[in-house]
Amino acid sequence: MNVIGVLGVVLAGVLVYMAGGMAHAQESRSMLDGDVLAAEAGQVELVTNASGEIIQVRVENCEQCAQESYLPSRNLRVSQSGRTDAPESPSSFNGQAGTVVVNLQSGMVEQIIFWALPNGGNDQ
């Protein structure tokens, strides 16, 4: 094999290695990875600013939570009963029970899954 052939094999190996690393980096994280905590809270309150942006997440009756309030991550996701179509106003869920997913490295809330429908499910 000549020098060009050896370089081609080495280059192909490097590209395969890099492609594998990029695919791994794009995989979604699992709670089993240990970098997030899913904690059940009896009450979750979303504090918003004048623009309606969520600036704080307060929790009550949460045994696994290390604190009573958290900052939201930039990509905070709010859902109800597992449905990903978030309501127009996530704060309509205030006071409802839910699961709070906290990034253990940053200490910020990444996701909130409310268990009940807004206003207790009463459509009026």
PDB file of N, CA and C in Angstrom:
ATOM      1  N   MET A   1       0.846  -1.171   0.000  1.00  0.00           N
ATOM      2  CA  MET A   1       0.000   0.000   0.000  1.00  0.00           C
ATOM      3  C   MET A   1       0.895   1.238   0.000  1.00  0.00           C
ATOM      4  N   ASN A   2       0.546   2.203  -0.796  1.00  0.00           N
ATOM      5  CA  ASN A   2       1.369   3.407  -0.857  1.00  0.00           C
ATOM      6  C   ASN A   2       0.911   4.429   0.188  1.00  0.00           C
ATOM      7  N   VAL A   3       1.599   5.531   0.266  1.00  0.00           N
ATOM      8  CA  VAL A   3       1.327   6.570   1.266  1.00  0.00           C
ATOM      9  C   VAL A   3      -0.085   7.131   1.114  1.00  0.00           C
ATOM     10  N   ILE A   4      -0.533   7.328  -0.111  1.00  0.00           N
ATOM     11  CA  ILE A   4      -1.877   7.873  -0.341  1.00  0.00           C
ATOM     12  C   ILE A   4      -2.936   6.882   0.149  1.00  0.00           C
ATOM     13  N   GLY A   5      -2.718   5.594  -0.063  1.00  0.00           N
ATOM     14  CA  GLY A   5      -3.656   4.577   0.414  1.00  0.00           C
ATOM     15  C   GLY A   5      -3.742   4.559   1.932  1.00  0.00           C
ATOM     16  N   VAL A   6      -2.591   4.659   2.601  1.00  0.00           N
ATOM     17  CA  VAL A   6      -2.557   4.682   4.072  1.00  0.00           C
ATOM     18  C   VAL A   6      -3.279   5.923   4.597  1.00  0.00           C
ATOM     19  N   LEU A   7      -3.008   7.069   3.981  1.00  0.00           N
ATOM     20  CA  LEU A   7      -3.684   8.304   4.406  1.00  0.00           C
ATOM     21  C   LEU A   7      -5.194   8.209   4.202  1.00  0.00           C
ATOM     22  N   GLY A   8      -5.605   7.571   3.117  1.00  0.00           N
ATOM     23  CA  GLY A   8      -7.033   7.386   2.859  1.00  0.00           C
ATOM     24  C   GLY A   8      -7.690   6.540   3.931  1.00  0.00           C
ATOM     25  N   VAL A   9      -7.037   5.450   4.336  1.00  0.00           N
ATOM     26  CA  VAL A   9      -7.570   4.573   5.382  1.00  0.00           C
ATOM     27  C   VAL A   9      -7.642   5.319   6.716  1.00  0.00           C
ATOM     28  N   VAL A  10      -6.596   6.059   7.051  1.00  0.00           N
ATOM     29  CA  VAL A  10      -6.572   6.825   8.301  1.00  0.00           C
ATOM     30  C   VAL A  10      -7.675   7.883   8.290  1.00  0.00           C
ATOM     31  N   LEU A  11      -7.807   8.602   7.188  1.00  0.00           N
ATOM     32  CA  LEU A  11      -8.833   9.635   7.072  1.00  0.00           C
ATOM     33  C   LEU A  11     -10.230   9.032   7.197  1.00  0.00           C
ATOM     34  N   ALA A  12     -10.449   7.890   6.556  1.00  0.00           N
ATOM     35  CA  ALA A  12     -11.754   7.218   6.652  1.00  0.00           C
ATOM     36  C   ALA A  12     -12.036   6.817   8.102  1.00  0.00           C
ATOM     37  N   GLY A  13     -11.027   6.324   8.796  1.00  0.00           N
ATOM     38  CA  GLY A  13     -11.204   5.951  10.202  1.00  0.00           C
ATOM     39  C   GLY A  13     -11.550   7.143  11.067  1.00  0.00           C
ATOM     40  N   VAL A  14     -10.880   8.260  10.833  1.00  0.00           N
ATOM     41  CA  VAL A  14     -11.160   9.476  11.602  1.00  0.00           C
ATOM     42  C   VAL A  14     -12.589   9.957  11.340  1.00  0.00           C
ATOM     43  N   LEU A  15     -13.012   9.935  10.093  1.00  0.00           N
ATOM     44  CA  LEU A  15     -14.371  10.370   9.763  1.00  0.00           C
ATOM     45  C   LEU A  15     -15.429   9.479  10.399  1.00  0.00           C
ATOM     46  N   VAL A  16     -15.215   8.174  10.411  1.00  0.00           N
ATOM     47  CA  VAL A  16     -16.153   7.253  11.052  1.00  0.00           C
ATOM     48  C   VAL A  16     -16.212   7.525  12.552  1.00  0.00           C
ATOM     49  N   TYR A  17     -15.055   7.737  13.172  1.00  0.00           N
ATOM     50  CA  TYR A  17     -15.000   8.040  14.603  1.00  0.00           C
ATOM     51  C   TYR A  17     -15.746   9.327  14.921  1.00  0.00           C
ATOM     52  N   MET A  18     -15.517  10.374  14.126  1.00  0.00           N
ATOM     53  CA  MET A  18     -16.179  11.662  14.362  1.00  0.00           C
ATOM     54  C   MET A  18     -17.682  11.558  14.139  1.00  0.00           C
ATOM     55  N   ALA A  19     -18.125  10.820  13.134  1.00  0.00           N
ATOM     56  CA  ALA A  19     -19.553  10.654  12.867  1.00  0.00           C
ATOM     57  C   ALA A  19     -20.222   9.943  14.033  1.00  0.00           C
ATOM     58  N   GLY A  20     -19.561   8.956  14.597  1.00  0.00           N
ATOM     59  CA  GLY A  20     -20.111   8.260  15.762  1.00  0.00           C
ATOM     60  C   GLY A  20     -20.231   9.165  16.962  1.00  0.00           C
ATOM     61  N   GLY A  21     -19.246  10.031  17.167  1.00  0.00           N
ATOM     62  CA  GLY A  21     -19.285  10.974  18.279  1.00  0.00           C
ATOM     63  C   GLY A  21     -20.379  12.002  18.111  1.00  0.00           C
ATOM     64  N   MET A  22     -20.596  12.487  16.890  1.00  0.00           N
ATOM     65  CA  MET A  22     -21.659  13.461  16.649  1.00  0.00           C
ATOM     66  C   MET A  22     -23.025  12.837  16.844  1.00  0.00           C
ATOM     67  N   ALA A  23     -23.198  11.598  16.411  1.00  0.00           N
ATOM     68  CA  ALA A  23     -24.490  10.927  16.591  1.00  0.00           C
ATOM     69  C   ALA A  23     -24.776  10.746  18.067  1.00  0.00           C
ATOM     70  N   HIS A  24     -23.751  10.408  18.836  1.00  0.00           N
ATOM     71  CA  HIS A  24     -23.942  10.233  20.280  1.00  0.00           C
ATOM     72  C   HIS A  24     -24.297  11.558  20.941  1.00  0.00           C
ATOM     73  N   ALA A  25     -23.701  12.650  20.519  1.00  0.00           N
ATOM     74  CA  ALA A  25     -23.952  13.956  21.124  1.00  0.00           C
ATOM     75  C   ALA A  25     -25.370  14.438  20.864  1.00  0.00           C
ATOM     76  N   GLN A  26     -25.997  13.974  19.785  1.00  0.00           N
ATOM     77  CA  GLN A  26     -27.335  14.434  19.453  1.00  0.00           C
ATOM     78  C   GLN A  26     -28.417  13.561  20.058  1.00  0.00           C
ATOM     79  N   GLU A  27     -28.055  12.458  20.711  1.00  0.00           N
ATOM     80  CA  GLU A  27     -29.047  11.602  21.340  1.00  0.00           C
ATOM     81  C   GLU A  27     -29.711  12.345  22.481  1.00  0.00           C
ATOM     82  N   SER A  28     -31.009  12.091  22.671  1.00  0.00           N
ATOM     83  CA  SER A  28     -31.689  12.731  23.781  1.00  0.00           C
ATOM     84  C   SER A  28     -31.237  12.095  25.087  1.00  0.00           C
ATOM     85  N   ARG A  29     -31.180  12.919  26.119  1.00  0.00           N
ATOM     86  CA  ARG A  29     -30.742  12.413  27.416  1.00  0.00           C
ATOM     87  C   ARG A  29     -31.874  11.658  28.081  1.00  0.00           C
ATOM     88  N   SER A  30     -31.514  10.733  28.883  1.00  0.00           N
ATOM     89  CA  SER A  30     -32.471   9.956  29.644  1.00  0.00           C
ATOM     90  C   SER A  30     -32.312  10.310  31.117  1.00  0.00           C
ATOM     91  N   MET A  31     -33.379  10.190  31.867  1.00  0.00           N
ATOM     92  CA  MET A  31     -33.286  10.436  33.300  1.00  0.00           C
ATOM     93  C   MET A  31     -32.407   9.397  33.968  1.00  0.00           C
ATOM     94  N   LEU A  32     -32.181   8.293  33.279  1.00  0.00           N
ATOM     95  CA  LEU A  32     -31.307   7.260  33.817  1.00  0.00           C
ATOM     96  C   LEU A  32     -29.849   7.648  33.725  1.00  0.00           C
ATOM     97  N   ASP A  33     -29.525   8.673  32.926  1.00  0.00           N
ATOM     98  CA  ASP A  33     -28.147   9.134  32.799  1.00  0.00           C
ATOM     99  C   ASP A  33     -27.656   9.793  34.084  1.00  0.00           C
ATOM    100  N   GLY A  34     -28.557  10.204  34.952  1.00  0.00           N
ATOM    101  CA  GLY A  34     -28.177  10.784  36.228  1.00  0.00           C
ATOM    102  C   GLY A  34     -27.910  12.268  36.201  1.00  0.00           C
ATOM    103  N   ASP A  35     -28.150  12.942  35.086  1.00  0.00           N
ATOM    104  CA  ASP A  35     -27.892  14.377  35.056  1.00  0.00           C
ATOM    105  C   ASP A  35     -29.152  15.209  35.225  1.00  0.00           C
ATOM    106  N   VAL A  36     -30.305  14.568  35.319  1.00  0.00           N
ATOM    107  CA  VAL A  36     -31.552  15.274  35.605  1.00  0.00           C
ATOM    108  C   VAL A  36     -32.299  14.545  36.714  1.00  0.00           C
ATOM    109  N   LEU A  37     -33.124  15.287  37.415  1.00  0.00           N
ATOM    110  CA  LEU A  37     -33.953  14.746  38.485  1.00  0.00           C
ATOM    111  C   LEU A  37     -35.398  15.039  38.162  1.00  0.00           C
ATOM    112  N   ALA A  38     -36.239  14.037  38.169  1.00  0.00           N
ATOM    113  CA  ALA A  38     -37.676  14.226  37.990  1.00  0.00           C
ATOM    114  C   ALA A  38     -38.317  14.121  39.373  1.00  0.00           C
ATOM    115  N   ALA A  39     -38.831  15.241  39.859  1.00  0.00           N
ATOM    116  CA  ALA A  39     -39.386  15.286  41.204  1.00  0.00           C
ATOM    117  C   ALA A  39     -40.879  15.588  41.147  1.00  0.00           C
ATOM    118  N   GLU A  40     -41.650  14.881  41.955  1.00  0.00           N
ATOM    119  CA  GLU A  40     -43.089  15.102  42.012  1.00  0.00           C
ATOM    120  C   GLU A  40     -43.388  16.182  43.032  1.00  0.00           C
ATOM    121  N   ALA A  41     -44.132  17.194  42.588  1.00  0.00           N
ATOM    122  CA  ALA A  41     -44.485  18.305  43.471  1.00  0.00           C
ATOM    123  C   ALA A  41     -46.003  18.371  43.623  1.00  0.00           C
ATOM    124  N   GLY A  42     -46.449  18.571  44.842  1.00  0.00           N
ATOM    125  CA  GLY A  42     -47.885  18.688  45.105  1.00  0.00           C
ATOM    126  C   GLY A  42     -48.472  19.959  44.519  1.00  0.00           C
ATOM    127  N   GLN A  43     -47.647  20.998  44.415  1.00  0.00           N
ATOM    128  CA  GLN A  43     -48.079  22.256  43.816  1.00  0.00           C
ATOM    129  C   GLN A  43     -46.912  22.866  43.062  1.00  0.00           C
ATOM    130  N   VAL A  44     -47.201  23.358  41.870  1.00  0.00           N
ATOM    131  CA  VAL A  44     -46.193  24.039  41.065  1.00  0.00           C
ATOM    132  C   VAL A  44     -46.767  25.396  40.673  1.00  0.00           C
ATOM    133  N   GLU A  45     -45.984  26.439  40.893  1.00  0.00           N
ATOM    134  CA  GLU A  45     -46.405  27.781  40.514  1.00  0.00           C
ATOM    135  C   GLU A  45     -45.372  28.370  39.559  1.00  0.00           C
ATOM    136  N   LEU A  46     -45.853  28.879  38.439  1.00  0.00           N
ATOM    137  CA  LEU A  46     -44.989  29.527  37.460  1.00  0.00           C
ATOM    138  C   LEU A  46     -45.101  31.032  37.659  1.00  0.00           C
ATOM    139  N   VAL A  47     -43.987  31.655  38.008  1.00  0.00           N
ATOM    140  CA  VAL A  47     -43.956  33.108  38.217  1.00  0.00           C
ATOM    141  C   VAL A  47     -43.537  33.740  36.900  1.00  0.00           C
ATOM    142  N   THR A  48     -44.330  34.707  36.439  1.00  0.00           N
ATOM    143  CA  THR A  48     -44.037  35.355  35.159  1.00  0.00           C
ATOM    144  C   THR A  48     -43.749  36.837  35.365  1.00  0.00           C
ATOM    145  N   ASN A  49     -43.051  37.422  34.382  1.00  0.00           N
ATOM    146  CA  ASN A  49     -42.802  38.867  34.419  1.00  0.00           C
ATOM    147  C   ASN A  49     -43.928  39.569  33.656  1.00  0.00           C
ATOM    148  N   ALA A  50     -43.810  40.866  33.483  1.00  0.00           N
ATOM    149  CA  ALA A  50     -44.853  41.644  32.815  1.00  0.00           C
ATOM    150  C   ALA A  50     -45.056  41.210  31.359  1.00  0.00           C
ATOM    151  N   SER A  51     -44.035  40.621  30.755  1.00  0.00           N
ATOM    152  CA  SER A  51     -44.134  40.163  29.364  1.00  0.00           C
ATOM    153  C   SER A  51     -44.720  38.762  29.251  1.00  0.00           C
ATOM    154  N   GLY A  52     -44.988  38.128  30.385  1.00  0.00           N
ATOM    155  CA  GLY A  52     -45.544  36.780  30.367  1.00  0.00           C
ATOM    156  C   GLY A  52     -44.503  35.678  30.308  1.00  0.00           C
ATOM    157  N   GLU A  53     -43.218  36.040  30.391  1.00  0.00           N
ATOM    158  CA  GLU A  53     -42.150  35.041  30.387  1.00  0.00           C
ATOM    159  C   GLU A  53     -42.018  34.431  31.775  1.00  0.00           C
ATOM    160  N   ILE A  54     -41.800  33.128  31.820  1.00  0.00           N
ATOM    161  CA  ILE A  54     -41.622  32.443  33.102  1.00  0.00           C
ATOM    162  C   ILE A  54     -40.234  32.774  33.623  1.00  0.00           C
ATOM    163  N   ILE A  55     -40.178  33.358  34.819  1.00  0.00           N
ATOM    164  CA  ILE A  55     -38.898  33.755  35.402  1.00  0.00           C
ATOM    165  C   ILE A  55     -38.531  32.942  36.643  1.00  0.00           C
ATOM    166  N   GLN A  56     -39.509  32.184  37.167  1.00  0.00           N
ATOM    167  CA  GLN A  56     -39.235  31.384  38.358  1.00  0.00           C
ATOM    168  C   GLN A  56     -40.250  30.253  38.433  1.00  0.00           C
ATOM    169  N   VAL A  57     -39.818  29.120  38.975  1.00  0.00           N
ATOM    170  CA  VAL A  57     -40.695  27.978  39.198  1.00  0.00           C
ATOM    171  C   VAL A  57     -40.665  27.688  40.691  1.00  0.00           C
ATOM    172  N   ARG A  58     -41.812  27.797  41.334  1.00  0.00           N
ATOM    173  CA  ARG A  58     -41.908  27.515  42.780  1.00  0.00           C
ATOM    174  C   ARG A  58     -42.606  26.176  42.972  1.00  0.00           C
ATOM    175  N   VAL A  59     -42.115  25.410  43.939  1.00  0.00           N
ATOM    176  CA  VAL A  59     -42.688  24.093  44.215  1.00  0.00           C
ATOM    177  C   VAL A  59     -43.017  23.974  45.699  1.00  0.00           C
ATOM    178  N   GLU A  60     -44.080  23.241  45.972  1.00  0.00           N
ATOM    179  CA  GLU A  60     -44.464  22.922  47.350  1.00  0.00           C
ATOM    180  C   GLU A  60     -44.767  21.433  47.420  1.00  0.00           C
ATOM    181  N   ASN A  61     -44.613  20.880  48.619  1.00  0.00           N
ATOM    182  CA  ASN A  61     -44.863  19.449  48.839  1.00  0.00           C
ATOM    183  C   ASN A  61     -44.035  18.604  47.869  1.00  0.00           C
ATOM    184  N   CYS A  62     -42.761  18.883  47.825  1.00  0.00           N
ATOM    185  CA  CYS A  62     -41.841  18.180  46.924  1.00  0.00           C
ATOM    186  C   CYS A  62     -40.704  17.602  47.765  1.00  0.00           C
ATOM    187  N   GLU A  63     -40.784  16.313  48.031  1.00  0.00           N
ATOM    188  CA  GLU A  63     -39.794  15.668  48.898  1.00  0.00           C
ATOM    189  C   GLU A  63     -38.403  15.615  48.268  1.00  0.00           C
ATOM    190  N   GLN A  64     -38.318  15.446  46.960  1.00  0.00           N
ATOM    191  CA  GLN A  64     -37.023  15.296  46.302  1.00  0.00           C
ATOM    192  C   GLN A  64     -36.376  16.633  45.946  1.00  0.00           C
ATOM    193  N   CYS A  65     -37.121  17.714  46.041  1.00  0.00           N
ATOM    194  CA  CYS A  65     -36.592  19.018  45.646  1.00  0.00           C
ATOM    195  C   CYS A  65     -35.637  19.545  46.716  1.00  0.00           C
ATOM    196  N   ALA A  66     -34.517  20.097  46.267  1.00  0.00           N
ATOM    197  CA  ALA A  66     -33.514  20.638  47.177  1.00  0.00           C
ATOM    198  C   ALA A  66     -33.865  22.052  47.618  1.00  0.00           C
ATOM    199  N   GLN A  67     -34.755  22.703  46.908  1.00  0.00           N
ATOM    200  CA  GLN A  67     -35.139  24.073  47.247  1.00  0.00           C
ATOM    201  C   GLN A  67     -36.603  24.294  46.870  1.00  0.00           C
ATOM    202  N   GLU A  68     -37.134  25.443  47.274  1.00  0.00           N
ATOM    203  CA  GLU A  68     -38.538  25.744  47.024  1.00  0.00           C
ATOM    204  C   GLU A  68     -38.765  26.529  45.740  1.00  0.00           C
ATOM    205  N   SER A  69     -37.707  27.096  45.167  1.00  0.00           N
ATOM    206  CA  SER A  69     -37.858  27.811  43.900  1.00  0.00           C
ATOM    207  C   SER A  69     -36.633  27.566  43.027  1.00  0.00           C
ATOM    208  N   TYR A  70     -36.886  27.560  41.719  1.00  0.00           N
ATOM    209  CA  TYR A  70     -35.848  27.287  40.730  1.00  0.00           C
ATOM    210  C   TYR A  70     -35.964  28.302  39.602  1.00  0.00           C
ATOM    211  N   LEU A  71     -34.866  28.495  38.900  1.00  0.00           N
ATOM    212  CA  LEU A  71     -34.887  29.294  37.679  1.00  0.00           C
ATOM    213  C   LEU A  71     -35.239  28.363  36.519  1.00  0.00           C
ATOM    214  N   PRO A  72     -35.978  28.868  35.533  1.00  0.00           N
ATOM    215  CA  PRO A  72     -36.282  28.037  34.366  1.00  0.00           C
ATOM    216  C   PRO A  72     -35.132  28.069  33.368  1.00  0.00           C
ATOM    217  N   SER A  73     -34.908  26.971  32.661  1.00  0.00           N
ATOM    218  CA  SER A  73     -33.910  26.972  31.600  1.00  0.00           C
ATOM    219  C   SER A  73     -34.474  27.738  30.408  1.00  0.00           C
ATOM    220  N   ARG A  74     -33.603  28.108  29.487  1.00  0.00           N
ATOM    221  CA  ARG A  74     -34.050  28.839  28.294  1.00  0.00           C
ATOM    222  C   ARG A  74     -35.034  28.030  27.470  1.00  0.00           C
ATOM    223  N   ASN A  75     -34.873  26.726  27.479  1.00  0.00           N
ATOM    224  CA  ASN A  75     -35.719  25.846  26.672  1.00  0.00           C
ATOM    225  C   ASN A  75     -36.758  25.119  27.520  1.00  0.00           C
ATOM    226  N   LEU A  76     -37.292  25.802  28.524  1.00  0.00           N
ATOM    227  CA  LEU A  76     -38.277  25.186  29.410  1.00  0.00           C
ATOM    228  C   LEU A  76     -39.468  24.685  28.601  1.00  0.00           C
ATOM    229  N   ARG A  77     -39.849  23.433  28.847  1.00  0.00           N
ATOM    230  CA  ARG A  77     -41.017  22.839  28.198  1.00  0.00           C
ATOM    231  C   ARG A  77     -42.089  22.613  29.250  1.00  0.00           C
ATOM    232  N   VAL A  78     -43.308  23.044  28.938  1.00  0.00           N
ATOM    233  CA  VAL A  78     -44.446  22.866  29.843  1.00  0.00           C
ATOM    234  C   VAL A  78     -45.496  22.052  29.099  1.00  0.00           C
ATOM    235  N   SER A  79     -45.960  20.975  29.726  1.00  0.00           N
ATOM    236  CA  SER A  79     -46.992  20.155  29.101  1.00  0.00           C
ATOM    237  C   SER A  79     -48.008  19.748  30.154  1.00  0.00           C
ATOM    238  N   GLN A  80     -49.130  19.269  29.671  1.00  0.00           N
ATOM    239  CA  GLN A  80     -50.174  18.814  30.587  1.00  0.00           C
ATOM    240  C   GLN A  80     -50.487  17.353  30.309  1.00  0.00           C
ATOM    241  N   SER A  81     -50.489  16.558  31.329  1.00  0.00           N
ATOM    242  CA  SER A  81     -50.827  15.136  31.232  1.00  0.00           C
ATOM    243  C   SER A  81     -50.130  14.443  30.069  1.00  0.00           C
ATOM    244  N   GLY A  82     -48.862  14.811  29.816  1.00  0.00           N
ATOM    245  CA  GLY A  82     -48.093  14.177  28.767  1.00  0.00           C
ATOM    246  C   GLY A  82     -48.317  14.739  27.379  1.00  0.00           C
ATOM    247  N   ARG A  83     -49.286  15.625  27.208  1.00  0.00           N
ATOM    248  CA  ARG A  83     -49.537  16.232  25.898  1.00  0.00           C
ATOM    249  C   ARG A  83     -48.541  17.360  25.684  1.00  0.00           C
ATOM    250  N   THR A  84     -47.942  17.416  24.504  1.00  0.00           N
ATOM    251  CA  THR A  84     -46.924  18.425  24.250  1.00  0.00           C
ATOM    252  C   THR A  84     -47.495  19.752  23.785  1.00  0.00           C
ATOM    253  N   ASP A  85     -48.785  19.811  23.460  1.00  0.00           N
ATOM    254  CA  ASP A  85     -49.374  21.083  23.035  1.00  0.00           C
ATOM    255  C   ASP A  85     -49.637  21.935  24.267  1.00  0.00           C
ATOM    256  N   ALA A  86     -48.700  22.822  24.545  1.00  0.00           N
ATOM    257  CA  ALA A  86     -48.770  23.666  25.739  1.00  0.00           C
ATOM    258  C   ALA A  86     -49.922  24.653  25.607  1.00  0.00           C
ATOM    259  N   PRO A  87     -50.530  25.035  26.715  1.00  0.00           N
ATOM    260  CA  PRO A  87     -51.617  26.003  26.684  1.00  0.00           C
ATOM    261  C   PRO A  87     -51.109  27.390  26.325  1.00  0.00           C
ATOM    262  N   GLU A  88     -52.036  28.283  25.978  1.00  0.00           N
ATOM    263  CA  GLU A  88     -51.647  29.659  25.669  1.00  0.00           C
ATOM    264  C   GLU A  88     -50.958  30.293  26.870  1.00  0.00           C
ATOM    265  N   SER A  89     -51.449  29.991  28.043  1.00  0.00           N
ATOM    266  CA  SER A  89     -50.910  30.567  29.264  1.00  0.00           C
ATOM    267  C   SER A  89     -50.535  29.447  30.234  1.00  0.00           C
ATOM    268  N   PRO A  90     -49.263  29.051  30.266  1.00  0.00           N
ATOM    269  CA  PRO A  90     -48.862  27.987  31.180  1.00  0.00           C
ATOM    270  C   PRO A  90     -49.180  28.305  32.639  1.00  0.00           C
ATOM    271  N   SER A  91     -49.251  29.595  32.987  1.00  0.00           N
ATOM    272  CA  SER A  91     -49.544  29.949  34.376  1.00  0.00           C
ATOM    273  C   SER A  91     -50.974  29.583  34.760  1.00  0.00           C
ATOM    274  N   SER A  92     -51.816  29.179  33.787  1.00  0.00           N
ATOM    275  CA  SER A  92     -53.170  28.740  34.126  1.00  0.00           C
ATOM    276  C   SER A  92     -53.140  27.445  34.937  1.00  0.00           C
ATOM    277  N   PHE A  93     -51.987  26.790  34.963  1.00  0.00           N
ATOM    278  CA  PHE A  93     -51.831  25.569  35.746  1.00  0.00           C
ATOM    279  C   PHE A  93     -51.401  25.840  37.188  1.00  0.00           C
ATOM    280  N   ASN A  94     -51.130  27.082  37.538  1.00  0.00           N
ATOM    281  CA  ASN A  94     -50.608  27.395  38.866  1.00  0.00           C
ATOM    282  C   ASN A  94     -51.414  26.719  39.959  1.00  0.00           C
ATOM    283  N   GLY A  95     -50.668  26.124  40.886  1.00  0.00           N
ATOM    284  CA  GLY A  95     -51.289  25.448  42.018  1.00  0.00           C
ATOM    285  C   GLY A  95     -51.575  23.981  41.769  1.00  0.00           C
ATOM    286  N   GLN A  96     -51.399  23.509  40.542  1.00  0.00           N
ATOM    287  CA  GLN A  96     -51.653  22.108  40.213  1.00  0.00           C
ATOM    288  C   GLN A  96     -50.416  21.264  40.552  1.00  0.00           C
ATOM    289  N   ALA A  97     -50.639  19.972  40.715  1.00  0.00           N
ATOM    290  CA  ALA A  97     -49.546  19.038  40.952  1.00  0.00           C
ATOM    291  C   ALA A  97     -48.846  18.731  39.636  1.00  0.00           C
ATOM    292  N   GLY A  98     -47.566  18.406  39.712  1.00  0.00           N
ATOM    293  CA  GLY A  98     -46.839  18.082  38.496  1.00  0.00           C
ATOM    294  C   GLY A  98     -45.468  17.515  38.771  1.00  0.00           C
ATOM    295  N   THR A  99     -44.825  17.102  37.708  1.00  0.00           N
ATOM    296  CA  THR A  99     -43.460  16.607  37.769  1.00  0.00           C
ATOM    297  C   THR A  99     -42.534  17.707  37.265  1.00  0.00           C
ATOM    298  N   VAL A 100     -41.519  18.000  38.047  1.00  0.00           N
ATOM    299  CA  VAL A 100     -40.551  19.037  37.706  1.00  0.00           C
ATOM    300  C   VAL A 100     -39.237  18.333  37.383  1.00  0.00           C
ATOM    301  N   VAL A 101     -38.711  18.578  36.183  1.00  0.00           N
ATOM    302  CA  VAL A 101     -37.455  17.962  35.756  1.00  0.00           C
ATOM    303  C   VAL A 101     -36.354  19.005  35.895  1.00  0.00           C
ATOM    304  N   VAL A 102     -35.410  18.742  36.798  1.00  0.00           N
ATOM    305  CA  VAL A 102     -34.341  19.687  37.123  1.00  0.00           C
ATOM    306  C   VAL A 102     -33.007  19.155  36.597  1.00  0.00           C
ATOM    307  N   ASN A 103     -32.276  20.015  35.899  1.00  0.00           N
ATOM    308  CA  ASN A 103     -30.924  19.690  35.453  1.00  0.00           C
ATOM    309  C   ASN A 103     -30.026  19.806  36.683  1.00  0.00           C
ATOM    310  N   LEU A 104     -29.385  18.715  37.075  1.00  0.00           N
ATOM    311  CA  LEU A 104     -28.589  18.713  38.304  1.00  0.00           C
ATOM    312  C   LEU A 104     -27.318  19.545  38.198  1.00  0.00           C
ATOM    313  N   GLN A 105     -26.786  19.720  36.988  1.00  0.00           N
ATOM    314  CA  GLN A 105     -25.575  20.530  36.836  1.00  0.00           C
ATOM    315  C   GLN A 105     -25.891  22.018  36.947  1.00  0.00           C
ATOM    316  N   SER A 106     -26.921  22.470  36.255  1.00  0.00           N
ATOM    317  CA  SER A 106     -27.241  23.899  36.247  1.00  0.00           C
ATOM    318  C   SER A 106     -28.185  24.287  37.384  1.00  0.00           C
ATOM    319  N   GLY A 107     -28.950  23.321  37.898  1.00  0.00           N
ATOM    320  CA  GLY A 107     -29.940  23.620  38.929  1.00  0.00           C
ATOM    321  C   GLY A 107     -31.203  24.266  38.368  1.00  0.00           C
ATOM    322  N   MET A 108     -31.351  24.272  37.044  1.00  0.00           N
ATOM    323  CA  MET A 108     -32.504  24.906  36.413  1.00  0.00           C
ATOM    324  C   MET A 108     -33.542  23.861  35.999  1.00  0.00           C
ATOM    325  N   VAL A 109     -34.792  24.309  35.952  1.00  0.00           N
ATOM    326  CA  VAL A 109     -35.883  23.439  35.531  1.00  0.00           C
ATOM    327  C   VAL A 109     -35.908  23.377  34.011  1.00  0.00           C
ATOM    328  N   GLU A 110     -35.883  22.158  33.477  1.00  0.00           N
ATOM    329  CA  GLU A 110     -35.921  21.955  32.032  1.00  0.00           C
ATOM    330  C   GLU A 110     -37.325  21.645  31.532  1.00  0.00           C
ATOM    331  N   GLN A 111     -38.126  20.999  32.374  1.00  0.00           N
ATOM    332  CA  GLN A 111     -39.452  20.580  31.940  1.00  0.00           C
ATOM    333  C   GLN A 111     -40.393  20.503  33.129  1.00  0.00           C
ATOM    334  N   ILE A 112     -41.655  20.842  32.871  1.00  0.00           N
ATOM    335  CA  ILE A 112     -42.705  20.682  33.869  1.00  0.00           C
ATOM    336  C   ILE A 112     -43.847  19.946  33.199  1.00  0.00           C
ATOM    337  N   ILE A 113     -44.287  18.862  33.833  1.00  0.00           N
ATOM    338  CA  ILE A 113     -45.414  18.090  33.315  1.00  0.00           C
ATOM    339  C   ILE A 113     -46.519  18.171  34.355  1.00  0.00           C
ATOM    340  N   PHE A 114     -47.545  18.962  34.070  1.00  0.00           N
ATOM    341  CA  PHE A 114     -48.681  19.068  34.983  1.00  0.00           C
ATOM    342  C   PHE A 114     -49.563  17.846  34.803  1.00  0.00           C
ATOM    343  N   TRP A 115     -50.094  17.351  35.906  1.00  0.00           N
ATOM    344  CA  TRP A 115     -50.872  16.115  35.865  1.00  0.00           C
ATOM    345  C   TRP A 115     -52.327  16.357  35.510  1.00  0.00           C
ATOM    346  N   ALA A 116     -52.852  17.510  35.863  1.00  0.00           N
ATOM    347  CA  ALA A 116     -54.280  17.769  35.655  1.00  0.00           C
ATOM    348  C   ALA A 116     -54.482  18.845  34.591  1.00  0.00           C
ATOM    349  N   LEU A 117     -55.695  18.962  34.121  1.00  0.00           N
ATOM    350  CA  LEU A 117     -56.044  20.021  33.183  1.00  0.00           C
ATOM    351  C   LEU A 117     -56.136  21.351  33.927  1.00  0.00           C
ATOM    352  N   PRO A 118     -55.971  22.476  33.251  1.00  0.00           N
ATOM    353  CA  PRO A 118     -56.079  23.765  33.919  1.00  0.00           C
ATOM    354  C   PRO A 118     -57.436  23.910  34.599  1.00  0.00           C
ATOM    355  N   ASN A 119     -57.451  24.618  35.704  1.00  0.00           N
ATOM    356  CA  ASN A 119     -58.680  24.872  36.456  1.00  0.00           C
ATOM    357  C   ASN A 119     -59.385  23.572  36.844  1.00  0.00           C
ATOM    358  N   GLY A 120     -58.605  22.517  37.094  1.00  0.00           N
ATOM    359  CA  GLY A 120     -59.181  21.259  37.529  1.00  0.00           C
ATOM    360  C   GLY A 120     -59.950  20.519  36.448  1.00  0.00           C
ATOM    361  N   GLY A 121     -59.840  20.945  35.191  1.00  0.00           N
ATOM    362  CA  GLY A 121     -60.528  20.286  34.102  1.00  0.00           C
ATOM    363  C   GLY A 121     -61.935  20.785  33.872  1.00  0.00           C
ATOM    364  N   ASN A 122     -62.310  21.878  34.560  1.00  0.00           N
ATOM    365  CA  ASN A 122     -63.653  22.443  34.385  1.00  0.00           C
ATOM    366  C   ASN A 122     -63.679  23.356  33.188  1.00  0.00           C
ATOM    367  N   ASP A 123     -64.385  22.966  32.125  1.00  0.00           N
ATOM    368  CA  ASP A 123     -64.517  23.802  30.945  1.00  0.00           C
ATOM    369  C   ASP A 123     -65.794  24.617  31.060  1.00  0.00           C
ATOM    370  N   GLN A 124     -65.644  25.922  31.146  1.00  0.00           N
ATOM    371  CA  GLN A 124     -66.828  26.780  31.277  1.00  0.00           C
ATOM    372  C   GLN A 124     -66.732  27.932  30.343  1.00  0.00           C
TER     373      GLN A 124
END
